[in-house]
């Protein structure tokens, strides 16, 4: 069975908006209490901006890639 993919905004290092990369990543395995939502749109809020710049510019983020996006709309 082929691994399911999803689109995501990824971050590998700390920095400004230029460190964000849009692309496909493997969909994580769902756990018993998880809910799968098809997201139609995302927004960037202050939490995302603080996480993106939360370390020394160019330093790797812990456990990369970090997937950003706290606000979303979908069904």
Foldseek 3Di string as FASTA:
>chain_A
DDFDKDWFFWAFWADAPVRTDIDIDGDDDDDPPDDDWDFDDFDDDPVQGCQRHVDDGPHTDPPDTDTDTPGTDTD
